[in-house]
Amino acid sequence: MRKYLFAGMFVALLAFSAPIPAPAADYFIIEDKNGVCRVIKARGWTRKSIDGPFTTKREAMRVKARICPKRR
């Protein structure tokens, strides 16, 4: 009985100590102090973010073209 308890606790310890994947970085549209819009990959909303998160860079670029048409 004791060896089964030890084996179960060992398996549980291994299961809980497995690395947990970090959340994937998303794409955000930011505007710098010069008014230039860019698409960046970040883990969360930043101070300079004006829109996002987007799952793909292509989607973020489409929205950036609509929001900031005259900017880079």
PDB file of N, CA and C in Angstrom:
ATOM      1  N   MET A   1       0.824  -1.187   0.000  1.00  0.00           N
ATOM      2  CA  MET A   1       0.000   0.000   0.000  1.00  0.00           C
ATOM      3  C   MET A   1       0.873   1.258   0.000  1.00  0.00           C
ATOM      4  N   ARG A   2       1.930   1.226   0.809  1.00  0.00           N
ATOM      5  CA  ARG A   2       2.779   2.386   0.930  1.00  0.00           C
ATOM      6  C   ARG A   2       3.529   2.679  -0.364  1.00  0.00           C
ATOM      7  N   LYS A   3       3.962   1.634  -1.067  1.00  0.00           N
ATOM      8  CA  LYS A   3       4.696   1.874  -2.311  1.00  0.00           C
ATOM      9  C   LYS A   3       3.769   2.424  -3.393  1.00  0.00           C
ATOM     10  N   TYR A   4       2.481   2.071  -3.367  1.00  0.00           N
ATOM     11  CA  TYR A   4       1.530   2.628  -4.333  1.00  0.00           C
ATOM     12  C   TYR A   4       1.267   4.102  -4.034  1.00  0.00           C
ATOM     13  N   LEU A   5       1.197   4.435  -2.769  1.00  0.00           N
ATOM     14  CA  LEU A   5       1.011   5.825  -2.366  1.00  0.00           C
ATOM     15  C   LEU A   5       2.217   6.656  -2.796  1.00  0.00           C
ATOM     16  N   PHE A   6       3.412   6.113  -2.574  1.00  0.00           N
ATOM     17  CA  PHE A   6       4.629   6.804  -2.981  1.00  0.00           C
ATOM     18  C   PHE A   6       4.671   6.968  -4.499  1.00  0.00           C
ATOM     19  N   ALA A   7       4.317   5.929  -5.238  1.00  0.00           N
ATOM     20  CA  ALA A   7       4.322   5.999  -6.699  1.00  0.00           C
ATOM     21  C   ALA A   7       3.297   7.019  -7.197  1.00  0.00           C
ATOM     22  N   GLY A   8       2.123   7.046  -6.588  1.00  0.00           N
ATOM     23  CA  GLY A   8       1.096   8.014  -6.972  1.00  0.00           C
ATOM     24  C   GLY A   8       1.521   9.445  -6.700  1.00  0.00           C
ATOM     25  N   MET A   9       2.149   9.646  -5.558  1.00  0.00           N
ATOM     26  CA  MET A   9       2.627  10.991  -5.232  1.00  0.00           C
ATOM     27  C   MET A   9       3.744  11.411  -6.179  1.00  0.00           C
ATOM     28  N   PHE A  10       4.606  10.472  -6.562  1.00  0.00           N
ATOM     29  CA  PHE A  10       5.686  10.767  -7.492  1.00  0.00           C
ATOM     30  C   PHE A  10       5.132  11.160  -8.858  1.00  0.00           C
ATOM     31  N   VAL A  11       4.139  10.420  -9.338  1.00  0.00           N
ATOM     32  CA  VAL A  11       3.522  10.732 -10.634  1.00  0.00           C
ATOM     33  C   VAL A  11       2.829  12.098 -10.573  1.00  0.00           C
ATOM     34  N   ALA A  12       2.134  12.384  -9.485  1.00  0.00           N
ATOM     35  CA  ALA A  12       1.464  13.679  -9.329  1.00  0.00           C
ATOM     36  C   ALA A  12       2.486  14.816  -9.299  1.00  0.00           C
ATOM     37  N   LEU A  13       3.597  14.594  -8.610  1.00  0.00           N
ATOM     38  CA  LEU A  13       4.645  15.602  -8.549  1.00  0.00           C
ATOM     39  C   LEU A  13       5.208  15.876  -9.936  1.00  0.00           C
ATOM     40  N   LEU A  14       5.443  14.848 -10.705  1.00  0.00           N
ATOM     41  CA  LEU A  14       5.939  15.037 -12.070  1.00  0.00           C
ATOM     42  C   LEU A  14       4.929  15.780 -12.939  1.00  0.00           C
ATOM     43  N   ALA A  15       3.664  15.450 -12.789  1.00  0.00           N
ATOM     44  CA  ALA A  15       2.624  16.100 -13.600  1.00  0.00           C
ATOM     45  C   ALA A  15       2.528  17.586 -13.277  1.00  0.00           C
ATOM     46  N   PHE A  16       2.613  17.936 -11.995  1.00  0.00           N
ATOM     47  CA  PHE A  16       2.479  19.335 -11.613  1.00  0.00           C
ATOM     48  C   PHE A  16       3.760  20.137 -11.797  1.00  0.00           C
ATOM     49  N   SER A  17       4.885  19.474 -11.933  1.00  0.00           N
ATOM     50  CA  SER A  17       6.137  20.200 -12.109  1.00  0.00           C
ATOM     51  C   SER A  17       6.500  20.365 -13.585  1.00  0.00           C
ATOM     52  N   ALA A  18       5.667  19.864 -14.473  1.00  0.00           N
ATOM     53  CA  ALA A  18       5.923  20.014 -15.908  1.00  0.00           C
ATOM     54  C   ALA A  18       5.842  21.488 -16.269  1.00  0.00           C
ATOM     55  N   PRO A  19       6.663  21.935 -17.200  1.00  0.00           N
ATOM     56  CA  PRO A  19       6.627  23.346 -17.581  1.00  0.00           C
ATOM     57  C   PRO A  19       5.281  23.717 -18.199  1.00  0.00           C
ATOM     58  N   ILE A  20       4.770  24.836 -17.756  1.00  0.00           N
ATOM     59  CA  ILE A  20       3.502  25.324 -18.281  1.00  0.00           C
ATOM     60  C   ILE A  20       3.830  26.293 -19.407  1.00  0.00           C
ATOM     61  N   PRO A  21       3.276  26.085 -20.576  1.00  0.00           N
ATOM     62  CA  PRO A  21       3.600  26.981 -21.683  1.00  0.00           C
ATOM     63  C   PRO A  21       3.109  28.399 -21.408  1.00  0.00           C
ATOM     64  N   ALA A  22       3.947  29.359 -21.728  1.00  0.00           N
ATOM     65  CA  ALA A  22       3.578  30.759 -21.542  1.00  0.00           C
ATOM     66  C   ALA A  22       2.571  31.157 -22.618  1.00  0.00           C
ATOM     67  N   PRO A  23       1.728  32.124 -22.324  1.00  0.00           N
ATOM     68  CA  PRO A  23       0.782  32.558 -23.337  1.00  0.00           C
ATOM     69  C   PRO A  23       1.520  33.089 -24.556  1.00  0.00           C
ATOM     70  N   ALA A  24       0.999  32.782 -25.693  1.00  0.00           N
ATOM     71  CA  ALA A  24       1.649  33.199 -26.932  1.00  0.00           C
ATOM     72  C   ALA A  24       1.596  34.710 -27.073  1.00  0.00           C
ATOM     73  N   ALA A  25       2.629  35.263 -27.658  1.00  0.00           N
ATOM     74  CA  ALA A  25       2.656  36.697 -27.894  1.00  0.00           C
ATOM     75  C   ALA A  25       1.711  37.036 -29.036  1.00  0.00           C
ATOM     76  N   ASP A  26       1.057  38.151 -28.911  1.00  0.00           N
ATOM     77  CA  ASP A  26       0.147  38.630 -29.935  1.00  0.00           C
ATOM     78  C   ASP A  26       0.748  39.860 -30.594  1.00  0.00           C
ATOM     79  N   TYR A  27       0.115  40.306 -31.668  1.00  0.00           N
ATOM     80  CA  TYR A  27       0.568  41.478 -32.390  1.00  0.00           C
ATOM     81  C   TYR A  27      -0.269  42.685 -32.000  1.00  0.00           C
ATOM     82  N   PHE A  28       0.414  43.819 -31.794  1.00  0.00           N
ATOM     83  CA  PHE A  28      -0.237  45.064 -31.426  1.00  0.00           C
ATOM     84  C   PHE A  28       0.216  46.166 -32.359  1.00  0.00           C
ATOM     85  N   ILE A  29      -0.637  47.159 -32.546  1.00  0.00           N
ATOM     86  CA  ILE A  29      -0.275  48.346 -33.309  1.00  0.00           C
ATOM     87  C   ILE A  29       0.078  49.418 -32.293  1.00  0.00           C
ATOM     88  N   ILE A  30       1.280  49.975 -32.435  1.00  0.00           N
ATOM     89  CA  ILE A  30       1.709  51.025 -31.520  1.00  0.00           C
ATOM     90  C   ILE A  30       1.992  52.299 -32.306  1.00  0.00           C
ATOM     91  N   GLU A  31       1.958  53.424 -31.614  1.00  0.00           N
ATOM     92  CA  GLU A  31       2.297  54.708 -32.214  1.00  0.00           C
ATOM     93  C   GLU A  31       3.359  55.352 -31.338  1.00  0.00           C
ATOM     94  N   ASP A  32       4.490  55.702 -31.945  1.00  0.00           N
ATOM     95  CA  ASP A  32       5.559  56.309 -31.150  1.00  0.00           C
ATOM     96  C   ASP A  32       5.353  57.814 -31.025  1.00  0.00           C
ATOM     97  N   LYS A  33       6.284  58.495 -30.368  1.00  0.00           N
ATOM     98  CA  LYS A  33       6.117  59.927 -30.095  1.00  0.00           C
ATOM     99  C   LYS A  33       6.173  60.782 -31.360  1.00  0.00           C
ATOM    100  N   ASN A  34       6.704  60.241 -32.448  1.00  0.00           N
ATOM    101  CA  ASN A  34       6.752  60.965 -33.720  1.00  0.00           C
ATOM    102  C   ASN A  34       5.515  60.711 -34.571  1.00  0.00           C
ATOM    103  N   GLY A  35       4.596  59.905 -34.068  1.00  0.00           N
ATOM    104  CA  GLY A  35       3.362  59.622 -34.797  1.00  0.00           C
ATOM    105  C   GLY A  35       3.479  58.488 -35.804  1.00  0.00           C
ATOM    106  N   VAL A  36       4.541  57.716 -35.725  1.00  0.00           N
ATOM    107  CA  VAL A  36       4.751  56.601 -36.650  1.00  0.00           C
ATOM    108  C   VAL A  36       4.117  55.342 -36.064  1.00  0.00           C
ATOM    109  N   CYS A  37       3.260  54.697 -36.857  1.00  0.00           N
ATOM    110  CA  CYS A  37       2.606  53.456 -36.418  1.00  0.00           C
ATOM    111  C   CYS A  37       3.442  52.261 -36.853  1.00  0.00           C
ATOM    112  N   ARG A  38       3.521  51.262 -35.968  1.00  0.00           N
ATOM    113  CA  ARG A  38       4.235  50.025 -36.276  1.00  0.00           C
ATOM    114  C   ARG A  38       3.482  48.858 -35.675  1.00  0.00           C
ATOM    115  N   VAL A  39       3.743  47.678 -36.224  1.00  0.00           N
ATOM    116  CA  VAL A  39       3.190  46.442 -35.685  1.00  0.00           C
ATOM    117  C   VAL A  39       4.306  45.746 -34.926  1.00  0.00           C
ATOM    118  N   ILE A  40       4.035  45.409 -33.670  1.00  0.00           N
ATOM    119  CA  ILE A  40       5.035  44.722 -32.853  1.00  0.00           C
ATOM    120  C   ILE A  40       4.430  43.449 -32.275  1.00  0.00           C
ATOM    121  N   LYS A  41       5.313  42.552 -31.867  1.00  0.00           N
ATOM    122  CA  LYS A  41       4.894  41.327 -31.203  1.00  0.00           C
ATOM    123  C   LYS A  41       5.157  41.507 -29.720  1.00  0.00           C
ATOM    124  N   ALA A  42       4.103  41.401 -28.901  1.00  0.00           N
ATOM    125  CA  ALA A  42       4.232  41.625 -27.462  1.00  0.00           C
ATOM    126  C   ALA A  42       3.339  40.652 -26.716  1.00  0.00           C
ATOM    127  N   ARG A  43       3.606  40.474 -25.443  1.00  0.00           N
ATOM    128  CA  ARG A  43       2.803  39.570 -24.613  1.00  0.00           C
ATOM    129  C   ARG A  43       1.542  40.227 -24.090  1.00  0.00           C
ATOM    130  N   GLY A  44       1.480  41.533 -24.120  1.00  0.00           N
ATOM    131  CA  GLY A  44       0.300  42.215 -23.623  1.00  0.00           C
ATOM    132  C   GLY A  44       0.258  43.657 -24.082  1.00  0.00           C
ATOM    133  N   TRP A  45      -0.793  44.329 -23.675  1.00  0.00           N
ATOM    134  CA  TRP A  45      -1.010  45.725 -24.034  1.00  0.00           C
ATOM    135  C   TRP A  45       0.122  46.574 -23.471  1.00  0.00           C
ATOM    136  N   THR A  46       0.636  47.515 -24.272  1.00  0.00           N
ATOM    137  CA  THR A  46       1.692  48.418 -23.824  1.00  0.00           C
ATOM    138  C   THR A  46       1.148  49.840 -23.749  1.00  0.00           C
ATOM    139  N   ARG A  47       1.938  50.755 -23.207  1.00  0.00           N
ATOM    140  CA  ARG A  47       1.496  52.143 -23.084  1.00  0.00           C
ATOM    141  C   ARG A  47       1.222  52.777 -24.441  1.00  0.00           C
ATOM    142  N   LYS A  48       1.973  52.381 -25.455  1.00  0.00           N
ATOM    143  CA  LYS A  48       1.863  53.001 -26.766  1.00  0.00           C
ATOM    144  C   LYS A  48       0.911  52.270 -27.711  1.00  0.00           C
ATOM    145  N   SER A  49       0.289  51.214 -27.250  1.00  0.00           N
ATOM    146  CA  SER A  49      -0.629  50.449 -28.095  1.00  0.00           C
ATOM    147  C   SER A  49      -1.853  51.276 -28.450  1.00  0.00           C
ATOM    148  N   ILE A  50      -2.254  51.217 -29.715  1.00  0.00           N
ATOM    149  CA  ILE A  50      -3.471  51.902 -30.123  1.00  0.00           C
ATOM    150  C   ILE A  50      -4.537  50.913 -30.578  1.00  0.00           C
ATOM    151  N   ASP A  51      -4.136  49.666 -30.854  1.00  0.00           N
ATOM    152  CA  ASP A  51      -5.103  48.633 -31.205  1.00  0.00           C
ATOM    153  C   ASP A  51      -4.452  47.265 -31.053  1.00  0.00           C
ATOM    154  N   GLY A  52      -5.287  46.265 -30.823  1.00  0.00           N
ATOM    155  CA  GLY A  52      -4.794  44.910 -30.685  1.00  0.00           C
ATOM    156  C   GLY A  52      -5.460  44.226 -29.512  1.00  0.00           C
ATOM    157  N   PRO A  53      -5.217  43.024 -29.248  1.00  0.00           N
ATOM    158  CA  PRO A  53      -4.257  42.109 -29.877  1.00  0.00           C
ATOM    159  C   PRO A  53      -4.821  41.456 -31.136  1.00  0.00           C
ATOM    160  N   PHE A  54      -3.926  41.111 -32.022  1.00  0.00           N
ATOM    161  CA  PHE A  54      -4.243  40.389 -33.246  1.00  0.00           C
ATOM    162  C   PHE A  54      -3.487  39.072 -33.218  1.00  0.00           C
ATOM    163  N   THR A  55      -4.090  38.032 -33.761  1.00  0.00           N
ATOM    164  CA  THR A  55      -3.437  36.728 -33.728  1.00  0.00           C
ATOM    165  C   THR A  55      -2.385  36.578 -34.817  1.00  0.00           C
ATOM    166  N   THR A  56      -2.559  37.284 -35.936  1.00  0.00           N
ATOM    167  CA  THR A  56      -1.578  37.188 -37.017  1.00  0.00           C
ATOM    168  C   THR A  56      -1.048  38.570 -37.375  1.00  0.00           C
ATOM    169  N   LYS A  57       0.157  38.598 -37.896  1.00  0.00           N
ATOM    170  CA  LYS A  57       0.754  39.869 -38.298  1.00  0.00           C
ATOM    171  C   LYS A  57       0.021  40.428 -39.509  1.00  0.00           C
ATOM    172  N   ARG A  58      -0.434  39.569 -40.380  1.00  0.00           N
ATOM    173  CA  ARG A  58      -1.157  40.014 -41.576  1.00  0.00           C
ATOM    174  C   ARG A  58      -2.425  40.778 -41.197  1.00  0.00           C
ATOM    175  N   GLU A  59      -3.148  40.256 -40.216  1.00  0.00           N
ATOM    176  CA  GLU A  59      -4.368  40.920 -39.751  1.00  0.00           C
ATOM    177  C   GLU A  59      -4.036  42.286 -39.142  1.00  0.00           C
ATOM    178  N   ALA A  60      -2.969  42.355 -38.355  1.00  0.00           N
ATOM    179  CA  ALA A  60      -2.558  43.621 -37.747  1.00  0.00           C
ATOM    180  C   ALA A  60      -2.138  44.631 -38.808  1.00  0.00           C
ATOM    181  N   MET A  61      -1.461  44.179 -39.853  1.00  0.00           N
ATOM    182  CA  MET A  61      -1.039  45.084 -40.923  1.00  0.00           C
ATOM    183  C   MET A  61      -2.240  45.650 -41.682  1.00  0.00           C
ATOM    184  N   ARG A  62      -3.273  44.830 -41.882  1.00  0.00           N
ATOM    185  CA  ARG A  62      -4.486  45.326 -42.558  1.00  0.00           C
ATOM    186  C   ARG A  62      -5.149  46.429 -41.740  1.00  0.00           C
ATOM    187  N   VAL A  63      -5.273  46.211 -40.443  1.00  0.00           N
ATOM    188  CA  VAL A  63      -5.901  47.211 -39.577  1.00  0.00           C
ATOM    189  C   VAL A  63      -5.023  48.453 -39.492  1.00  0.00           C
ATOM    190  N   LYS A  64      -3.716  48.287 -39.437  1.00  0.00           N
ATOM    191  CA  LYS A  64      -2.792  49.421 -39.392  1.00  0.00           C
ATOM    192  C   LYS A  64      -2.941  50.289 -40.629  1.00  0.00           C
ATOM    193  N   ALA A  65      -3.109  49.669 -41.796  1.00  0.00           N
ATOM    194  CA  ALA A  65      -3.285  50.426 -43.034  1.00  0.00           C
ATOM    195  C   ALA A  65      -4.568  51.255 -42.996  1.00  0.00           C
ATOM    196  N   ARG A  66      -5.564  50.763 -42.300  1.00  0.00           N
ATOM    197  CA  ARG A  66      -6.836  51.495 -42.193  1.00  0.00           C
ATOM    198  C   ARG A  66      -6.762  52.587 -41.139  1.00  0.00           C
ATOM    199  N   ILE A  67      -6.097  52.318 -40.005  1.00  0.00           N
ATOM    200  CA  ILE A  67      -6.018  53.292 -38.915  1.00  0.00           C
ATOM    201  C   ILE A  67      -5.009  54.390 -39.200  1.00  0.00           C
ATOM    202  N   CYS A  68      -3.859  54.021 -39.727  1.00  0.00           N
ATOM    203  CA  CYS A  68      -2.746  54.960 -39.961  1.00  0.00           C
ATOM    204  C   CYS A  68      -2.384  54.965 -41.443  1.00  0.00           C
ATOM    205  N   PRO A  69      -3.245  55.420 -42.327  1.00  0.00           N
ATOM    206  CA  PRO A  69      -2.950  55.313 -43.750  1.00  0.00           C
ATOM    207  C   PRO A  69      -1.774  56.153 -44.213  1.00  0.00           C
ATOM    208  N   LYS A  70      -1.550  57.307 -43.606  1.00  0.00           N
ATOM    209  CA  LYS A  70      -0.486  58.194 -44.068  1.00  0.00           C
ATOM    210  C   LYS A  70       0.825  57.957 -43.355  1.00  0.00           C
ATOM    211  N   ARG A  71       0.808  57.122 -42.373  1.00  0.00           N
ATOM    212  CA  ARG A  71       2.015  56.859 -41.583  1.00  0.00           C
ATOM    213  C   ARG A  71       2.672  55.570 -42.040  1.00  0.00           C
ATOM    214  N   ARG A  72       3.934  55.398 -41.702  1.00  0.00           N
ATOM    215  CA  ARG A  72       4.690  54.200 -42.098  1.00  0.00           C
ATOM    216  C   ARG A  72       4.072  52.944 -41.611  1.00  0.00           C
TER     217      ARG A  72
END
